[in-house]
């Protein structure tokens, strides 16, 4: 088996094991510019990234409202329960392409153990359908 074939086979095996889970609650992406706001916000954040413009956070919507933070939209979190290696190739691209084909925006966060996809709240159920179909299609290729 060539490296390319092995890589594609590894990707298909990963996709066949996606096991997407829609997490409870709604989340928001927002930015914290002042150090005074950052401490409280960081303690409840599910994700963060330091950007030139400030500290970007992913927070439960209720916490962002409580802290008086500004956000544009609410999102739902879908966790892919398959272990995804940080040096794996193609998972994010495959997932985002499948969602994009159905008009579903996706913000993908790769963490140490799993990938987490944040989609607009109103499209979360459709996103779960798309991901389950993607998983089934990959499983059928192994059958």
N, C-alpha and C. Protein backbone atom coordinates (compact mmCIF):
# COMPACT_ATOMS: atom_id res chain seq x y z
N UNK A 1 0.85 -1.17 0.00
CA UNK A 1 0.00 0.00 0.00
C UNK A 1 0.90 1.24 0.00
N UNK A 2 0.63 2.17 -0.87
CA UNK A 2 1.42 3.38 -0.95
C UNK A 2 1.04 4.32 0.19
N UNK A 3 1.90 5.31 0.43
CA UNK A 3 1.63 6.28 1.49
C UNK A 3 0.32 7.02 1.23
N UNK A 4 0.07 7.38 -0.02
CA UNK A 4 -1.17 8.08 -0.37
C UNK A 4 -2.38 7.21 -0.09
N UNK A 5 -2.32 5.95 -0.48
CA UNK A 5 -3.43 5.03 -0.23
C UNK A 5 -3.62 4.83 1.26
N UNK A 6 -2.53 4.66 1.98
CA UNK A 6 -2.61 4.48 3.43
C UNK A 6 -3.21 5.71 4.09
N UNK A 7 -2.81 6.91 3.66
CA UNK A 7 -3.35 8.14 4.22
C UNK A 7 -4.84 8.25 3.98
N UNK A 8 -5.28 7.90 2.76
CA UNK A 8 -6.71 7.96 2.43
C UNK A 8 -7.46 6.91 3.23
N UNK A 9 -6.86 5.75 3.38
CA UNK A 9 -7.49 4.68 4.16
C UNK A 9 -7.61 5.10 5.62
N UNK A 10 -6.58 5.74 6.16
CA UNK A 10 -6.63 6.23 7.55
C UNK A 10 -7.72 7.28 7.71
N UNK A 11 -7.83 8.18 6.74
CA UNK A 11 -8.86 9.21 6.79
C UNK A 11 -10.25 8.57 6.74
N UNK A 12 -10.46 7.62 5.85
CA UNK A 12 -11.77 6.98 5.74
C UNK A 12 -12.11 6.22 7.03
N UNK A 13 -11.13 5.59 7.65
CA UNK A 13 -11.37 4.90 8.92
C UNK A 13 -11.75 5.90 10.00
N UNK A 14 -11.11 7.05 10.01
CA UNK A 14 -11.44 8.09 10.98
C UNK A 14 -12.86 8.59 10.75
N UNK A 15 -13.21 8.86 9.50
CA UNK A 15 -14.55 9.35 9.18
C UNK A 15 -15.61 8.30 9.53
N UNK A 16 -15.29 7.03 9.31
CA UNK A 16 -16.22 5.95 9.64
C UNK A 16 -16.50 5.89 11.14
N UNK A 17 -15.62 6.45 11.93
CA UNK A 17 -15.75 6.42 13.40
C UNK A 17 -16.10 7.77 14.00
N UNK A 18 -16.58 8.72 13.20
CA UNK A 18 -16.83 10.09 13.68
C UNK A 18 -17.62 10.17 14.98
N UNK A 19 -18.71 9.49 15.06
CA UNK A 19 -19.60 9.51 16.22
C UNK A 19 -19.87 10.93 16.72
N UNK A 20 -20.53 11.77 15.91
CA UNK A 20 -20.79 13.15 16.34
C UNK A 20 -21.78 13.20 17.49
N UNK A 21 -21.50 14.10 18.44
CA UNK A 21 -22.39 14.31 19.59
C UNK A 21 -22.71 15.80 19.67
N UNK A 22 -24.01 16.11 19.68
CA UNK A 22 -24.44 17.49 19.84
C UNK A 22 -24.45 17.80 21.33
N UNK A 23 -23.57 18.73 21.73
CA UNK A 23 -23.44 19.07 23.14
C UNK A 23 -24.62 19.93 23.58
N UNK A 24 -24.97 19.86 24.86
CA UNK A 24 -26.07 20.70 25.35
C UNK A 24 -25.67 22.17 25.40
N UNK A 25 -26.66 23.02 25.30
CA UNK A 25 -26.44 24.46 25.46
C UNK A 25 -26.05 25.14 24.17
N UNK A 26 -25.99 26.46 24.25
CA UNK A 26 -25.57 27.29 23.12
C UNK A 26 -24.33 28.07 23.53
N UNK A 27 -23.54 28.41 22.53
CA UNK A 27 -22.27 29.08 22.76
C UNK A 27 -22.16 30.31 21.87
N UNK A 28 -21.21 31.16 22.19
CA UNK A 28 -20.94 32.36 21.38
C UNK A 28 -19.44 32.54 21.26
N UNK A 29 -19.04 33.19 20.18
CA UNK A 29 -17.66 33.62 19.99
C UNK A 29 -17.63 35.10 20.32
N UNK A 30 -16.68 35.52 21.13
CA UNK A 30 -16.56 36.95 21.44
C UNK A 30 -15.10 37.27 21.74
N UNK A 31 -14.82 38.55 21.83
CA UNK A 31 -13.46 39.02 22.07
C UNK A 31 -13.44 39.84 23.36
N UNK A 32 -12.40 39.64 24.14
CA UNK A 32 -12.22 40.38 25.38
C UNK A 32 -10.96 41.23 25.22
N UNK A 33 -11.12 42.52 25.36
CA UNK A 33 -10.00 43.43 25.15
C UNK A 33 -9.36 43.90 26.45
N UNK A 34 -10.09 43.86 27.54
CA UNK A 34 -9.59 44.39 28.80
C UNK A 34 -9.23 43.27 29.76
N UNK A 35 -8.10 43.39 30.42
CA UNK A 35 -7.66 42.37 31.35
C UNK A 35 -8.67 42.12 32.46
N UNK A 36 -9.39 43.15 32.87
CA UNK A 36 -10.38 42.99 33.94
C UNK A 36 -11.48 42.02 33.52
N UNK A 37 -11.87 42.04 32.24
CA UNK A 37 -12.91 41.15 31.74
C UNK A 37 -12.37 39.73 31.51
N UNK A 38 -11.12 39.64 31.22
CA UNK A 38 -10.54 38.37 30.77
C UNK A 38 -10.59 37.28 31.84
N UNK A 39 -10.30 37.61 33.08
CA UNK A 39 -10.24 36.59 34.13
C UNK A 39 -11.56 35.87 34.31
N UNK A 40 -12.65 36.63 34.48
CA UNK A 40 -13.96 36.01 34.65
C UNK A 40 -14.36 35.22 33.41
N UNK A 41 -14.11 35.79 32.25
CA UNK A 41 -14.50 35.13 31.01
C UNK A 41 -13.69 33.84 30.79
N UNK A 42 -12.41 33.88 31.06
CA UNK A 42 -11.55 32.70 30.88
C UNK A 42 -11.99 31.54 31.78
N UNK A 43 -12.51 31.86 32.95
CA UNK A 43 -12.88 30.80 33.88
C UNK A 43 -14.09 30.00 33.40
N UNK A 44 -14.85 30.53 32.46
CA UNK A 44 -16.02 29.82 31.95
C UNK A 44 -15.92 29.49 30.46
N UNK A 45 -14.81 29.83 29.83
CA UNK A 45 -14.63 29.59 28.40
C UNK A 45 -14.41 28.11 28.11
N UNK A 46 -14.94 27.67 26.97
CA UNK A 46 -14.65 26.31 26.51
C UNK A 46 -13.52 26.31 25.49
N UNK A 47 -13.12 27.50 25.05
CA UNK A 47 -12.01 27.63 24.11
C UNK A 47 -11.52 29.06 24.08
N UNK A 48 -10.24 29.21 23.73
CA UNK A 48 -9.67 30.55 23.64
C UNK A 48 -8.52 30.57 22.66
N UNK A 49 -8.27 31.77 22.16
CA UNK A 49 -7.14 31.97 21.26
C UNK A 49 -6.72 33.43 21.35
N UNK A 50 -5.42 33.66 21.47
CA UNK A 50 -4.91 35.02 21.54
C UNK A 50 -4.66 35.51 20.11
N UNK A 51 -5.35 36.61 19.76
CA UNK A 51 -5.19 37.24 18.46
C UNK A 51 -4.64 38.64 18.66
N UNK A 52 -4.14 39.25 17.60
CA UNK A 52 -3.61 40.60 17.69
C UNK A 52 -4.63 41.58 18.24
N UNK A 53 -5.91 41.36 17.92
CA UNK A 53 -6.96 42.29 18.31
C UNK A 53 -7.48 42.06 19.73
N UNK A 54 -7.12 40.96 20.35
CA UNK A 54 -7.58 40.67 21.70
C UNK A 54 -7.69 39.17 21.92
N UNK A 55 -8.27 38.82 23.04
CA UNK A 55 -8.45 37.42 23.41
C UNK A 55 -9.80 36.96 22.89
N UNK A 56 -9.79 36.01 21.95
CA UNK A 56 -11.02 35.44 21.42
C UNK A 56 -11.43 34.26 22.30
N UNK A 57 -12.71 34.22 22.62
CA UNK A 57 -13.22 33.18 23.52
C UNK A 57 -14.46 32.52 22.93
N UNK A 58 -14.62 31.27 23.29
CA UNK A 58 -15.87 30.55 23.03
C UNK A 58 -16.47 30.32 24.40
N UNK A 59 -17.64 30.90 24.61
CA UNK A 59 -18.29 30.86 25.92
C UNK A 59 -19.71 30.33 25.82
N UNK A 60 -20.19 29.72 26.92
CA UNK A 60 -21.64 29.47 26.96
C UNK A 60 -22.36 30.82 26.83
N UNK A 61 -23.42 30.84 26.05
CA UNK A 61 -24.15 32.08 25.82
C UNK A 61 -24.59 32.73 27.13
N UNK A 62 -25.06 31.93 28.06
CA UNK A 62 -25.53 32.48 29.34
C UNK A 62 -24.42 33.23 30.07
N UNK A 63 -23.21 32.73 29.98
CA UNK A 63 -22.08 33.38 30.66
C UNK A 63 -21.68 34.67 29.95
N UNK A 64 -21.73 34.68 28.63
CA UNK A 64 -21.41 35.90 27.89
C UNK A 64 -22.42 37.00 28.22
N UNK A 65 -23.69 36.63 28.31
CA UNK A 65 -24.72 37.60 28.68
C UNK A 65 -24.47 38.10 30.09
N UNK A 66 -24.20 37.19 31.03
CA UNK A 66 -23.93 37.57 32.42
C UNK A 66 -22.77 38.55 32.52
N UNK A 67 -21.74 38.33 31.70
CA UNK A 67 -20.55 39.18 31.74
C UNK A 67 -20.70 40.45 30.90
N UNK A 68 -21.81 40.57 30.20
CA UNK A 68 -22.05 41.76 29.38
C UNK A 68 -21.19 41.83 28.14
N UNK A 69 -20.79 40.67 27.61
CA UNK A 69 -19.94 40.63 26.43
C UNK A 69 -20.78 40.69 25.16
N UNK A 70 -20.20 41.24 24.12
CA UNK A 70 -20.89 41.41 22.84
C UNK A 70 -20.58 40.20 21.95
N UNK A 71 -21.63 39.71 21.27
CA UNK A 71 -21.47 38.61 20.33
C UNK A 71 -22.47 38.76 19.21
N UNK A 72 -22.20 38.10 18.09
CA UNK A 72 -23.05 38.23 16.91
C UNK A 72 -24.12 37.15 16.81
N UNK A 73 -23.78 35.92 17.12
CA UNK A 73 -24.72 34.82 16.90
C UNK A 73 -24.47 33.71 17.90
N UNK A 74 -25.47 32.86 18.05
CA UNK A 74 -25.30 31.70 18.92
C UNK A 74 -24.99 30.49 18.05
N UNK A 75 -24.20 29.60 18.61
CA UNK A 75 -23.79 28.39 17.91
C UNK A 75 -23.99 27.20 18.83
N UNK A 76 -24.03 26.03 18.22
CA UNK A 76 -24.07 24.77 18.96
C UNK A 76 -22.75 24.05 18.72
N UNK A 77 -22.35 23.26 19.68
CA UNK A 77 -21.09 22.52 19.61
C UNK A 77 -21.37 21.06 19.29
N UNK A 78 -20.73 20.58 18.24
CA UNK A 78 -20.77 19.16 17.90
C UNK A 78 -19.36 18.62 18.12
N UNK A 79 -19.25 17.60 18.96
CA UNK A 79 -17.96 16.97 19.22
C UNK A 79 -17.88 15.69 18.41
N UNK A 80 -16.80 15.54 17.65
CA UNK A 80 -16.54 14.29 16.94
C UNK A 80 -15.81 13.38 17.93
N UNK A 81 -16.47 12.34 18.37
CA UNK A 81 -15.94 11.50 19.45
C UNK A 81 -14.81 10.58 19.01
N UNK A 82 -14.47 10.61 17.74
CA UNK A 82 -13.33 9.85 17.26
C UNK A 82 -12.05 10.58 17.68
N UNK A 83 -11.04 9.81 18.06
CA UNK A 83 -9.75 10.44 18.39
C UNK A 83 -9.12 10.92 17.09
N UNK A 84 -8.85 12.20 17.02
CA UNK A 84 -8.24 12.76 15.80
C UNK A 84 -6.84 13.25 16.13
N UNK A 85 -5.89 12.71 15.42
CA UNK A 85 -4.50 13.08 15.66
C UNK A 85 -4.22 14.47 15.12
N UNK A 86 -3.40 15.22 15.84
CA UNK A 86 -3.08 16.58 15.42
C UNK A 86 -2.37 16.63 14.07
N UNK A 87 -1.68 15.55 13.71
CA UNK A 87 -0.99 15.53 12.42
C UNK A 87 -1.78 14.77 11.35
N UNK A 88 -3.03 14.45 11.67
CA UNK A 88 -3.89 13.79 10.68
C UNK A 88 -4.20 14.74 9.53
N UNK A 89 -4.39 14.19 8.35
CA UNK A 89 -4.64 15.00 7.16
C UNK A 89 -6.04 14.75 6.62
N UNK A 90 -6.80 15.82 6.44
CA UNK A 90 -8.04 15.75 5.70
C UNK A 90 -9.34 15.72 6.48
N UNK A 91 -9.31 15.46 7.78
CA UNK A 91 -10.57 15.36 8.53
C UNK A 91 -11.33 16.69 8.53
N UNK A 92 -10.66 17.75 8.91
CA UNK A 92 -11.34 19.06 8.96
C UNK A 92 -11.85 19.46 7.58
N UNK A 93 -11.04 19.23 6.56
CA UNK A 93 -11.44 19.59 5.20
C UNK A 93 -12.64 18.78 4.74
N UNK A 94 -12.65 17.49 5.04
CA UNK A 94 -13.76 16.63 4.63
C UNK A 94 -15.05 17.03 5.34
N UNK A 95 -14.95 17.25 6.64
CA UNK A 95 -16.13 17.63 7.43
C UNK A 95 -16.66 18.99 6.99
N UNK A 96 -15.77 19.96 6.87
CA UNK A 96 -16.24 21.31 6.50
C UNK A 96 -16.80 21.32 5.07
N UNK A 97 -16.24 20.53 4.17
CA UNK A 97 -16.76 20.44 2.80
C UNK A 97 -18.16 19.84 2.78
N UNK A 98 -18.37 18.78 3.56
CA UNK A 98 -19.69 18.15 3.61
C UNK A 98 -20.73 19.12 4.16
N UNK A 99 -20.37 19.87 5.18
CA UNK A 99 -21.29 20.85 5.75
C UNK A 99 -21.52 22.01 4.78
N UNK A 100 -20.45 22.46 4.13
CA UNK A 100 -20.57 23.59 3.19
C UNK A 100 -21.50 23.23 2.02
N UNK A 101 -21.44 21.99 1.56
CA UNK A 101 -22.32 21.55 0.47
C UNK A 101 -23.80 21.73 0.82
N UNK A 102 -24.10 21.70 2.11
CA UNK A 102 -25.49 21.86 2.57
C UNK A 102 -25.74 23.27 3.10
N UNK A 103 -24.79 24.19 2.88
CA UNK A 103 -24.97 25.57 3.29
C UNK A 103 -24.83 25.80 4.79
N UNK A 104 -24.05 24.97 5.45
CA UNK A 104 -23.89 25.07 6.90
C UNK A 104 -22.49 25.59 7.22
N UNK A 105 -22.40 26.81 7.75
CA UNK A 105 -21.09 27.33 8.17
C UNK A 105 -20.56 26.50 9.35
N UNK A 106 -19.25 26.33 9.41
CA UNK A 106 -18.66 25.55 10.50
C UNK A 106 -17.34 26.18 10.95
N UNK A 107 -17.22 26.33 12.24
CA UNK A 107 -15.94 26.74 12.84
C UNK A 107 -15.41 25.52 13.57
N UNK A 108 -14.30 25.00 13.09
CA UNK A 108 -13.74 23.77 13.64
C UNK A 108 -12.58 24.09 14.55
N UNK A 109 -12.64 23.52 15.75
CA UNK A 109 -11.57 23.67 16.73
C UNK A 109 -10.99 22.29 16.97
N UNK A 110 -9.72 22.14 16.64
CA UNK A 110 -9.04 20.87 16.91
C UNK A 110 -8.39 20.96 18.28
N UNK A 111 -8.79 20.06 19.16
CA UNK A 111 -8.19 19.99 20.50
C UNK A 111 -7.33 18.73 20.56
N UNK A 112 -6.80 18.44 21.72
CA UNK A 112 -5.88 17.32 21.85
C UNK A 112 -6.53 15.97 21.55
N UNK A 113 -7.75 15.77 22.01
CA UNK A 113 -8.40 14.48 21.86
C UNK A 113 -9.42 14.42 20.72
N UNK A 114 -10.14 15.52 20.52
CA UNK A 114 -11.24 15.50 19.56
C UNK A 114 -11.31 16.80 18.78
N UNK A 115 -12.07 16.78 17.69
CA UNK A 115 -12.39 18.00 16.96
C UNK A 115 -13.79 18.43 17.38
N UNK A 116 -13.99 19.73 17.48
CA UNK A 116 -15.26 20.30 17.90
C UNK A 116 -15.70 21.26 16.81
N UNK A 117 -16.94 21.10 16.38
CA UNK A 117 -17.48 21.91 15.29
C UNK A 117 -18.57 22.80 15.86
N UNK A 118 -18.44 24.09 15.62
CA UNK A 118 -19.43 25.05 16.08
C UNK A 118 -20.21 25.51 14.85
N UNK A 119 -21.53 25.28 14.89
CA UNK A 119 -22.41 25.61 13.77
C UNK A 119 -23.53 26.52 14.28
N UNK A 120 -24.11 27.33 13.39
CA UNK A 120 -25.22 28.17 13.83
C UNK A 120 -26.30 27.31 14.50
N UNK A 121 -26.85 27.82 15.59
CA UNK A 121 -27.83 27.05 16.37
C UNK A 121 -28.96 26.52 15.52
N UNK A 122 -29.48 27.33 14.61
CA UNK A 122 -30.63 26.92 13.81
C UNK A 122 -30.29 25.82 12.80
N UNK A 123 -29.01 25.55 12.60
CA UNK A 123 -28.60 24.53 11.62
C UNK A 123 -27.96 23.32 12.28
N UNK A 124 -28.02 23.25 13.60
CA UNK A 124 -27.34 22.17 14.32
C UNK A 124 -27.91 20.79 13.99
N UNK A 125 -29.23 20.67 13.95
CA UNK A 125 -29.83 19.37 13.66
C UNK A 125 -29.47 18.90 12.25
N UNK A 126 -29.50 19.81 11.29
CA UNK A 126 -29.12 19.47 9.91
C UNK A 126 -27.64 19.07 9.85
N UNK A 127 -26.80 19.79 10.60
CA UNK A 127 -25.37 19.46 10.63
C UNK A 127 -25.16 18.04 11.17
N UNK A 128 -25.93 17.67 12.19
CA UNK A 128 -25.81 16.31 12.73
C UNK A 128 -26.21 15.28 11.67
N UNK A 129 -27.26 15.56 10.91
CA UNK A 129 -27.67 14.65 9.82
C UNK A 129 -26.55 14.49 8.81
N UNK A 130 -25.94 15.60 8.41
CA UNK A 130 -24.87 15.58 7.41
C UNK A 130 -23.70 14.75 7.92
N UNK A 131 -23.32 14.94 9.17
CA UNK A 131 -22.18 14.22 9.73
C UNK A 131 -22.47 12.73 9.87
N UNK A 132 -23.70 12.40 10.25
CA UNK A 132 -24.07 10.98 10.34
C UNK A 132 -24.07 10.33 8.96
N UNK A 133 -24.54 11.06 7.95
CA UNK A 133 -24.51 10.54 6.58
C UNK A 133 -23.07 10.35 6.10
N UNK A 134 -22.21 11.29 6.42
CA UNK A 134 -20.79 11.18 6.06
C UNK A 134 -20.18 9.95 6.72
N UNK A 135 -20.47 9.74 7.99
CA UNK A 135 -19.96 8.59 8.72
C UNK A 135 -20.47 7.30 8.10
N UNK A 136 -21.77 7.23 7.82
CA UNK A 136 -22.35 6.01 7.23
C UNK A 136 -21.74 5.71 5.87
N UNK A 137 -21.55 6.73 5.07
CA UNK A 137 -20.94 6.54 3.75
C UNK A 137 -19.54 5.93 3.87
N UNK A 138 -18.77 6.41 4.82
CA UNK A 138 -17.42 5.86 5.04
C UNK A 138 -17.50 4.43 5.57
N UNK A 139 -18.46 4.16 6.45
CA UNK A 139 -18.63 2.81 6.96
C UNK A 139 -18.99 1.84 5.85
N UNK A 140 -19.84 2.29 4.93
CA UNK A 140 -20.26 1.45 3.81
C UNK A 140 -19.09 1.09 2.91
N UNK A 141 -18.11 1.96 2.82
CA UNK A 141 -16.94 1.67 1.98
C UNK A 141 -16.09 0.57 2.60
N UNK A 142 -16.17 0.41 3.92
CA UNK A 142 -15.40 -0.65 4.59
C UNK A 142 -16.16 -1.98 4.64
N UNK A 143 -17.46 -1.94 4.36
CA UNK A 143 -18.30 -3.16 4.47
C UNK A 143 -18.04 -4.12 3.35
